[in-house]
Amino acid sequence: MKALLVLAGEPPDESLLAWRAEDSDFVIAVDGGMNALIQAGIQPDLLVGDFDSFDPTTSGSIYCKVICEEDQDSTDLEKALRHLPEDEVPDEIVFLGATGGRSDHFLTNLLVASTLPEASKVALDATDEIIQRATPACSVSLIGMSGKIVSLLPLSSCKGVATEGLRWELADAAMGPGVLLGQSNEAVSEKVSVSLRAGNLFVITPKI
């Protein structure tokens, strides 16, 4: 099952939003992320939030289930993730509108994404770049990368990090805050792969 969550950060390009929505089995609008979906003429399966950035009572364009959660101990994204279908762990979870805008929102979104099940492929997608998570259960494979910048951001202690296709390769490396970060490496091959034995690592790449 592929899930798409559309947040209220920097709005994605409509073509990207349309493709991601078409490629997903379950689409959740996260509060103000509903604005981008309305603009693109796309109906989600669910609208969730505390509605401080979107008022569902003022729009006549909503035909999905609406869940209002005013709990201030969790973010809108955390609220939305609680309403993913419970019958299976998603194979893939994609966030749009999770980057840009306020830095605290972006960093919180990244931290929340790091807590998702290891077996789920996770990506924060945007018009100009994509951030993909690598875990022991989900390596990251990239194509069309030659000459592009590839940054590795460990959000926890990572062990056994291995890369292929980068100028400065890693083999069974330890990474983590205060240990080794991986900013601004460079792809020297069209194909790049990143894997690890333990931890939580984000791979950040441009699309242009």
C-alpha atoms as a PDB file:
ATOM      1  CA  MET A   1       0.000   0.000   0.000  1.00  0.00           C
ATOM      2  CA  LYS A   2       1.297   3.438  -0.977  1.00  0.00           C
ATOM      3  CA  ALA A   3       0.227   6.409   1.128  1.00  0.00           C
ATOM      4  CA  LEU A   4       0.490  10.091   0.234  1.00  0.00           C
ATOM      5  CA  LEU A   5       0.239  12.868   2.818  1.00  0.00           C
ATOM      6  CA  VAL A   6      -0.044  16.455   1.581  1.00  0.00           C
ATOM      7  CA  LEU A   7       1.031  19.083   4.105  1.00  0.00           C
ATOM      8  CA  ALA A   8       0.826  22.877   4.265  1.00  0.00           C
ATOM      9  CA  GLY A   9       4.475  23.680   3.584  1.00  0.00           C
ATOM     10  CA  GLU A  10       5.785  24.757   0.190  1.00  0.00           C
ATOM     11  CA  PRO A  11       3.092  23.709  -2.330  1.00  0.00           C
ATOM     12  CA  PRO A  12       4.278  21.060  -4.783  1.00  0.00           C
ATOM     13  CA  ASP A  13       4.160  21.531  -8.513  1.00  0.00           C
ATOM     14  CA  GLU A  14       0.713  20.441  -9.737  1.00  0.00           C
ATOM     15  CA  SER A  15       2.192  17.838 -12.083  1.00  0.00           C
ATOM     16  CA  LEU A  16       4.131  16.291  -9.204  1.00  0.00           C
ATOM     17  CA  LEU A  17       1.042  16.336  -6.996  1.00  0.00           C
ATOM     18  CA  ALA A  18      -1.103  14.764  -9.721  1.00  0.00           C
ATOM     19  CA  TRP A  19       1.449  11.996 -10.365  1.00  0.00           C
ATOM     20  CA  ARG A  20       1.940  11.202  -6.685  1.00  0.00           C
ATOM     21  CA  ALA A  21      -1.813  11.135  -6.051  1.00  0.00           C
ATOM     22  CA  GLU A  22      -2.422   8.852  -9.035  1.00  0.00           C
ATOM     23  CA  ASP A  23       0.379   6.540  -7.862  1.00  0.00           C
ATOM     24  CA  SER A  24      -1.017   6.275  -4.303  1.00  0.00           C
ATOM     25  CA  ASP A  25      -3.609   3.980  -2.776  1.00  0.00           C
ATOM     26  CA  PHE A  26      -4.531   6.324   0.083  1.00  0.00           C
ATOM     27  CA  VAL A  27      -4.273  10.129   0.127  1.00  0.00           C
ATOM     28  CA  ILE A  28      -4.491  12.243   3.286  1.00  0.00           C
ATOM     29  CA  ALA A  29      -4.750  16.036   3.261  1.00  0.00           C
ATOM     30  CA  VAL A  30      -3.014  17.359   6.368  1.00  0.00           C
ATOM     31  CA  ASP A  31      -4.807  20.564   7.434  1.00  0.00           C
ATOM     32  CA  GLY A  32      -3.723  23.375   5.075  1.00  0.00           C
ATOM     33  CA  GLY A  33      -2.349  20.845   2.601  1.00  0.00           C
ATOM     34  CA  MET A  34      -5.954  20.604   1.427  1.00  0.00           C
ATOM     35  CA  ASN A  35      -5.502  23.939  -0.362  1.00  0.00           C
ATOM     36  CA  ALA A  36      -3.011  22.444  -2.835  1.00  0.00           C
ATOM     37  CA  LEU A  37      -5.330  19.494  -3.508  1.00  0.00           C
ATOM     38  CA  ILE A  38      -8.314  21.763  -4.115  1.00  0.00           C
ATOM     39  CA  GLN A  39      -6.213  23.895  -6.463  1.00  0.00           C
ATOM     40  CA  ALA A  40      -5.252  20.769  -8.424  1.00  0.00           C
ATOM     41  CA  GLY A  41      -8.805  19.391  -8.429  1.00  0.00           C
ATOM     42  CA  ILE A  42      -7.803  16.298  -6.461  1.00  0.00           C
ATOM     43  CA  GLN A  43      -9.973  14.740  -3.751  1.00  0.00           C
ATOM     44  CA  PRO A  44      -8.142  12.999  -0.888  1.00  0.00           C
ATOM     45  CA  ASP A  45      -9.486  10.003   0.971  1.00  0.00           C
ATOM     46  CA  LEU A  46      -9.217  11.847   4.282  1.00  0.00           C
ATOM     47  CA  LEU A  47      -8.712  15.359   5.666  1.00  0.00           C
ATOM     48  CA  VAL A  48      -7.097  15.555   9.137  1.00  0.00           C
ATOM     49  CA  GLY A  49      -5.918  18.426  11.331  1.00  0.00           C
ATOM     50  CA  ASP A  50      -6.737  20.938  14.008  1.00  0.00           C
ATOM     51  CA  PHE A  51      -7.695  23.313  11.159  1.00  0.00           C
ATOM     52  CA  ASP A  52      -5.641  26.307  12.135  1.00  0.00           C
ATOM     53  CA  SER A  53      -4.533  26.667   8.502  1.00  0.00           C
ATOM     54  CA  PHE A  54      -7.660  25.432   6.707  1.00  0.00           C
ATOM     55  CA  ASP A  55     -11.347  25.825   7.523  1.00  0.00           C
ATOM     56  CA  PRO A  56     -13.338  22.906   6.087  1.00  0.00           C
ATOM     57  CA  THR A  57     -16.625  24.686   6.864  1.00  0.00           C
ATOM     58  CA  THR A  58     -15.920  27.433   4.326  1.00  0.00           C
ATOM     59  CA  SER A  59     -15.184  25.201   1.368  1.00  0.00           C
ATOM     60  CA  GLY A  60     -17.779  23.508  -0.785  1.00  0.00           C
ATOM     61  CA  SER A  61     -15.149  21.374  -2.511  1.00  0.00           C
ATOM     62  CA  ILE A  62     -14.661  18.679   0.117  1.00  0.00           C
ATOM     63  CA  TYR A  63     -16.186  15.258  -0.475  1.00  0.00           C
ATOM     64  CA  CYS A  64     -13.964  13.140   1.781  1.00  0.00           C
ATOM     65  CA  LYS A  65     -14.125  12.165   5.443  1.00  0.00           C
ATOM     66  CA  VAL A  66     -13.013  15.012   7.734  1.00  0.00           C
ATOM     67  CA  ILE A  67     -11.405  14.408  11.149  1.00  0.00           C
ATOM     68  CA  CYS A  68     -10.764  17.344  13.472  1.00  0.00           C
ATOM     69  CA  GLU A  69      -8.237  16.747  16.272  1.00  0.00           C
ATOM     70  CA  GLU A  70      -7.524  19.771  18.446  1.00  0.00           C
ATOM     71  CA  ASP A  71      -4.912  18.004  20.604  1.00  0.00           C
ATOM     72  CA  GLN A  72      -1.897  20.343  20.839  1.00  0.00           C
ATOM     73  CA  ASP A  73       0.491  17.664  22.096  1.00  0.00           C
ATOM     74  CA  SER A  74       0.956  16.299  18.584  1.00  0.00           C
ATOM     75  CA  THR A  75       1.538  17.879  15.194  1.00  0.00           C
ATOM     76  CA  ASP A  76      -0.937  17.722  12.334  1.00  0.00           C
ATOM     77  CA  LEU A  77       1.358  15.216  10.636  1.00  0.00           C
ATOM     78  CA  GLU A  78       1.366  12.945  13.686  1.00  0.00           C
ATOM     79  CA  LYS A  79      -2.422  13.200  13.827  1.00  0.00           C
ATOM     80  CA  ALA A  80      -2.693  12.235  10.165  1.00  0.00           C
ATOM     81  CA  LEU A  81      -0.336   9.272  10.473  1.00  0.00           C
ATOM     82  CA  ARG A  82      -2.564   7.810  13.184  1.00  0.00           C
ATOM     83  CA  HIS A  83      -5.297   7.500  10.567  1.00  0.00           C
ATOM     84  CA  LEU A  84      -3.432   5.461   7.992  1.00  0.00           C
ATOM     85  CA  PRO A  85      -5.205   2.149   7.287  1.00  0.00           C
ATOM     86  CA  GLU A  86      -4.441  -0.231  10.138  1.00  0.00           C
ATOM     87  CA  ASP A  87      -4.663  -3.498   8.231  1.00  0.00           C
ATOM     88  CA  GLU A  88      -1.134  -3.295   6.810  1.00  0.00           C
ATOM     89  CA  VAL A  89       2.168  -1.443   7.168  1.00  0.00           C
ATOM     90  CA  PRO A  90       2.506   0.876   4.139  1.00  0.00           C
ATOM     91  CA  ASP A  91       5.105  -0.182   1.602  1.00  0.00           C
ATOM     92  CA  GLU A  92       5.698   3.478   0.828  1.00  0.00           C
ATOM     93  CA  ILE A  93       4.835   6.780   2.535  1.00  0.00           C
ATOM     94  CA  VAL A  94       5.367  10.007   0.597  1.00  0.00           C
ATOM     95  CA  PHE A  95       5.052  13.525   1.990  1.00  0.00           C
ATOM     96  CA  LEU A  96       4.409  16.567  -0.198  1.00  0.00           C
ATOM     97  CA  GLY A  97       4.427  20.077   1.248  1.00  0.00           C
ATOM     98  CA  ALA A  98       6.633  18.848   4.102  1.00  0.00           C
ATOM     99  CA  THR A  99       9.562  21.105   3.140  1.00  0.00           C
ATOM    100  CA  GLY A 100       9.862  24.852   2.687  1.00  0.00           C
ATOM    101  CA  GLY A 101       7.970  27.329   4.826  1.00  0.00           C
ATOM    102  CA  ARG A 102       8.876  27.470   8.506  1.00  0.00           C
ATOM    103  CA  SER A 103      12.087  25.738   9.539  1.00  0.00           C
ATOM    104  CA  ASP A 104      10.547  24.341  12.731  1.00  0.00           C
ATOM    105  CA  HIS A 105       7.782  22.700  10.697  1.00  0.00           C
ATOM    106  CA  PHE A 106      10.268  21.146   8.268  1.00  0.00           C
ATOM    107  CA  LEU A 107      12.559  19.825  11.003  1.00  0.00           C
ATOM    108  CA  THR A 108       9.607  18.409  12.921  1.00  0.00           C
ATOM    109  CA  ASN A 109       8.335  16.695   9.773  1.00  0.00           C
ATOM    110  CA  LEU A 110      11.767  15.145   9.237  1.00  0.00           C
ATOM    111  CA  LEU A 111      11.923  13.898  12.817  1.00  0.00           C
ATOM    112  CA  VAL A 112       8.417  12.419  12.581  1.00  0.00           C
ATOM    113  CA  ALA A 113       9.356  10.710   9.293  1.00  0.00           C
ATOM    114  CA  SER A 114      12.347   9.123  11.033  1.00  0.00           C
ATOM    115  CA  THR A 115      10.034   7.318  13.485  1.00  0.00           C
ATOM    116  CA  LEU A 116       8.014   5.465  10.844  1.00  0.00           C
ATOM    117  CA  PRO A 117       8.338   1.662  10.515  1.00  0.00           C
ATOM    118  CA  GLU A 118      11.719   0.600   9.129  1.00  0.00           C
ATOM    119  CA  ALA A 119      10.059  -1.551   6.496  1.00  0.00           C
ATOM    120  CA  SER A 120       8.280   1.449   4.907  1.00  0.00           C
ATOM    121  CA  LYS A 121       9.975   3.365   2.130  1.00  0.00           C
ATOM    122  CA  VAL A 122       9.739   7.042   3.138  1.00  0.00           C
ATOM    123  CA  ALA A 123      10.236  10.164   1.017  1.00  0.00           C
ATOM    124  CA  LEU A 124       9.736  13.897   1.466  1.00  0.00           C
ATOM    125  CA  ASP A 125       9.246  14.973  -2.133  1.00  0.00           C
ATOM    126  CA  ALA A 126       9.286  18.492  -3.561  1.00  0.00           C
ATOM    127  CA  THR A 127       9.552  20.179  -6.937  1.00  0.00           C
ATOM    128  CA  ASP A 128      13.325  20.745  -6.813  1.00  0.00           C
ATOM    129  CA  GLU A 129      14.604  18.025  -4.475  1.00  0.00           C
ATOM    130  CA  ILE A 130      13.706  14.768  -2.802  1.00  0.00           C
ATOM    131  CA  ILE A 131      14.667  13.460   0.646  1.00  0.00           C
ATOM    132  CA  GLN A 132      14.566   9.669   0.979  1.00  0.00           C
ATOM    133  CA  ARG A 133      15.077   7.600   4.115  1.00  0.00           C
ATOM    134  CA  ALA A 134      17.480   4.671   4.292  1.00  0.00           C
ATOM    135  CA  THR A 135      17.033   2.023   6.991  1.00  0.00           C
ATOM    136  CA  PRO A 136      18.371  -1.518   7.418  1.00  0.00           C
ATOM    137  CA  ALA A 137      15.176  -2.745   5.759  1.00  0.00           C
ATOM    138  CA  CYS A 138      15.048  -0.112   2.980  1.00  0.00           C
ATOM    139  CA  SER A 139      18.146   0.936   1.072  1.00  0.00           C
ATOM    140  CA  VAL A 140      17.989   3.920  -1.284  1.00  0.00           C
ATOM    141  CA  SER A 141      18.707   3.465  -4.994  1.00  0.00           C
ATOM    142  CA  LEU A 142      19.004   6.468  -7.317  1.00  0.00           C
ATOM    143  CA  ILE A 143      19.341   6.759 -11.079  1.00  0.00           C
ATOM    144  CA  GLY A 144      20.296   9.613 -13.379  1.00  0.00           C
ATOM    145  CA  MET A 145      22.628  11.043 -10.750  1.00  0.00           C
ATOM    146  CA  SER A 146      26.012  11.597 -12.394  1.00  0.00           C
ATOM    147  CA  GLY A 147      27.462  14.981 -11.406  1.00  0.00           C
ATOM    148  CA  LYS A 148      24.740  15.760  -8.870  1.00  0.00           C
ATOM    149  CA  ILE A 149      25.163  16.540  -5.179  1.00  0.00           C
ATOM    150  CA  VAL A 150      24.150  13.778  -2.773  1.00  0.00           C
ATOM    151  CA  SER A 151      23.985  14.582   0.950  1.00  0.00           C
ATOM    152  CA  LEU A 152      23.586  12.016   3.718  1.00  0.00           C
ATOM    153  CA  LEU A 153      21.926  13.182   6.937  1.00  0.00           C
ATOM    154  CA  PRO A 154      22.025  10.718   9.854  1.00  0.00           C
ATOM    155  CA  LEU A 155      19.345  11.471  12.445  1.00  0.00           C
ATOM    156  CA  SER A 156      20.581   8.752  14.769  1.00  0.00           C
ATOM    157  CA  SER A 157      23.678   6.680  15.349  1.00  0.00           C
ATOM    158  CA  CYS A 158      24.146   4.752  12.094  1.00  0.00           C
ATOM    159  CA  LYS A 159      26.349   1.714  11.569  1.00  0.00           C
ATOM    160  CA  GLY A 160      27.465  -0.185   8.509  1.00  0.00           C
ATOM    161  CA  VAL A 161      26.774   2.659   6.086  1.00  0.00           C
ATOM    162  CA  ALA A 162      27.805   1.724   2.552  1.00  0.00           C
ATOM    163  CA  THR A 163      27.528   3.698  -0.678  1.00  0.00           C
ATOM    164  CA  GLU A 164      28.126   3.021  -4.346  1.00  0.00           C
ATOM    165  CA  GLY A 165      28.506   5.611  -7.074  1.00  0.00           C
ATOM    166  CA  LEU A 166      29.787   8.522  -4.955  1.00  0.00           C
ATOM    167  CA  ARG A 167      33.084  10.402  -5.202  1.00  0.00           C
ATOM    168  CA  TRP A 168      33.769   9.812  -1.500  1.00  0.00           C
ATOM    169  CA  GLU A 169      32.547   6.304  -0.896  1.00  0.00           C
ATOM    170  CA  LEU A 170      31.621   4.840   2.472  1.00  0.00           C
ATOM    171  CA  ALA A 171      32.152   1.202   3.422  1.00  0.00           C
ATOM    172  CA  ASP A 172      30.892  -0.143   6.739  1.00  0.00           C
ATOM    173  CA  ALA A 173      31.067   3.399   8.114  1.00  0.00           C
ATOM    174  CA  ALA A 174      29.705   4.805  11.348  1.00  0.00           C
ATOM    175  CA  MET A 175      27.726   8.033  11.006  1.00  0.00           C
ATOM    176  CA  GLY A 176      25.784  10.272  13.338  1.00  0.00           C
ATOM    177  CA  PRO A 177      25.683  13.700  14.954  1.00  0.00           C
ATOM    178  CA  GLY A 178      29.139  14.429  16.323  1.00  0.00           C
ATOM    179  CA  VAL A 179      30.598  11.396  14.519  1.00  0.00           C
ATOM    180  CA  LEU A 180      30.343  11.812  10.747  1.00  0.00           C
ATOM    181  CA  LEU A 181      27.891  13.709   8.597  1.00  0.00           C
ATOM    182  CA  GLY A 182      27.680  13.381   4.832  1.00  0.00           C
ATOM    183  CA  GLN A 183      26.965  16.799   3.383  1.00  0.00           C
ATOM    184  CA  SER A 184      27.673  17.570  -0.293  1.00  0.00           C
ATOM    185  CA  ASN A 185      29.072  14.320  -1.624  1.00  0.00           C
ATOM    186  CA  GLU A 186      29.000  13.961  -5.416  1.00  0.00           C
ATOM    187  CA  ALA A 187      27.666  11.252  -7.696  1.00  0.00           C
ATOM    188  CA  VAL A 188      30.238   9.948 -10.192  1.00  0.00           C
ATOM    189  CA  SER A 189      27.887   7.358 -11.659  1.00  0.00           C
ATOM    190  CA  GLU A 190      24.368   7.406 -13.063  1.00  0.00           C
ATOM    191  CA  LYS A 191      23.421   4.887 -10.377  1.00  0.00           C
ATOM    192  CA  VAL A 192      23.896   5.567  -6.663  1.00  0.00           C
ATOM    193  CA  SER A 193      22.964   3.337  -3.748  1.00  0.00           C
ATOM    194  CA  VAL A 194      22.984   3.905   0.023  1.00  0.00           C
ATOM    195  CA  SER A 195      22.493   1.152   2.596  1.00  0.00           C
ATOM    196  CA  LEU A 196      23.177   0.660   6.303  1.00  0.00           C
ATOM    197  CA  ARG A 197      23.121  -2.015   8.956  1.00  0.00           C
ATOM    198  CA  ALA A 198      21.617   0.051  11.793  1.00  0.00           C
ATOM    199  CA  GLY A 199      20.144   3.509  12.225  1.00  0.00           C
ATOM    200  CA  ASN A 200      18.125   6.086  10.333  1.00  0.00           C
ATOM    201  CA  LEU A 201      19.644   8.057   7.466  1.00  0.00           C
ATOM    202  CA  PHE A 202      18.174  10.563   5.022  1.00  0.00           C
ATOM    203  CA  VAL A 203      19.519  10.911   1.484  1.00  0.00           C
ATOM    204  CA  ILE A 204      18.996  14.377   0.008  1.00  0.00           C
ATOM    205  CA  THR A 205      19.285  14.880  -3.753  1.00  0.00           C
ATOM    206  CA  PRO A 206      18.327  17.633  -6.215  1.00  0.00           C
ATOM    207  CA  LYS A 207      16.064  16.967  -9.161  1.00  0.00           C
ATOM    208  CA  ILE A 208      17.755  19.477 -11.464  1.00  0.00           C
END
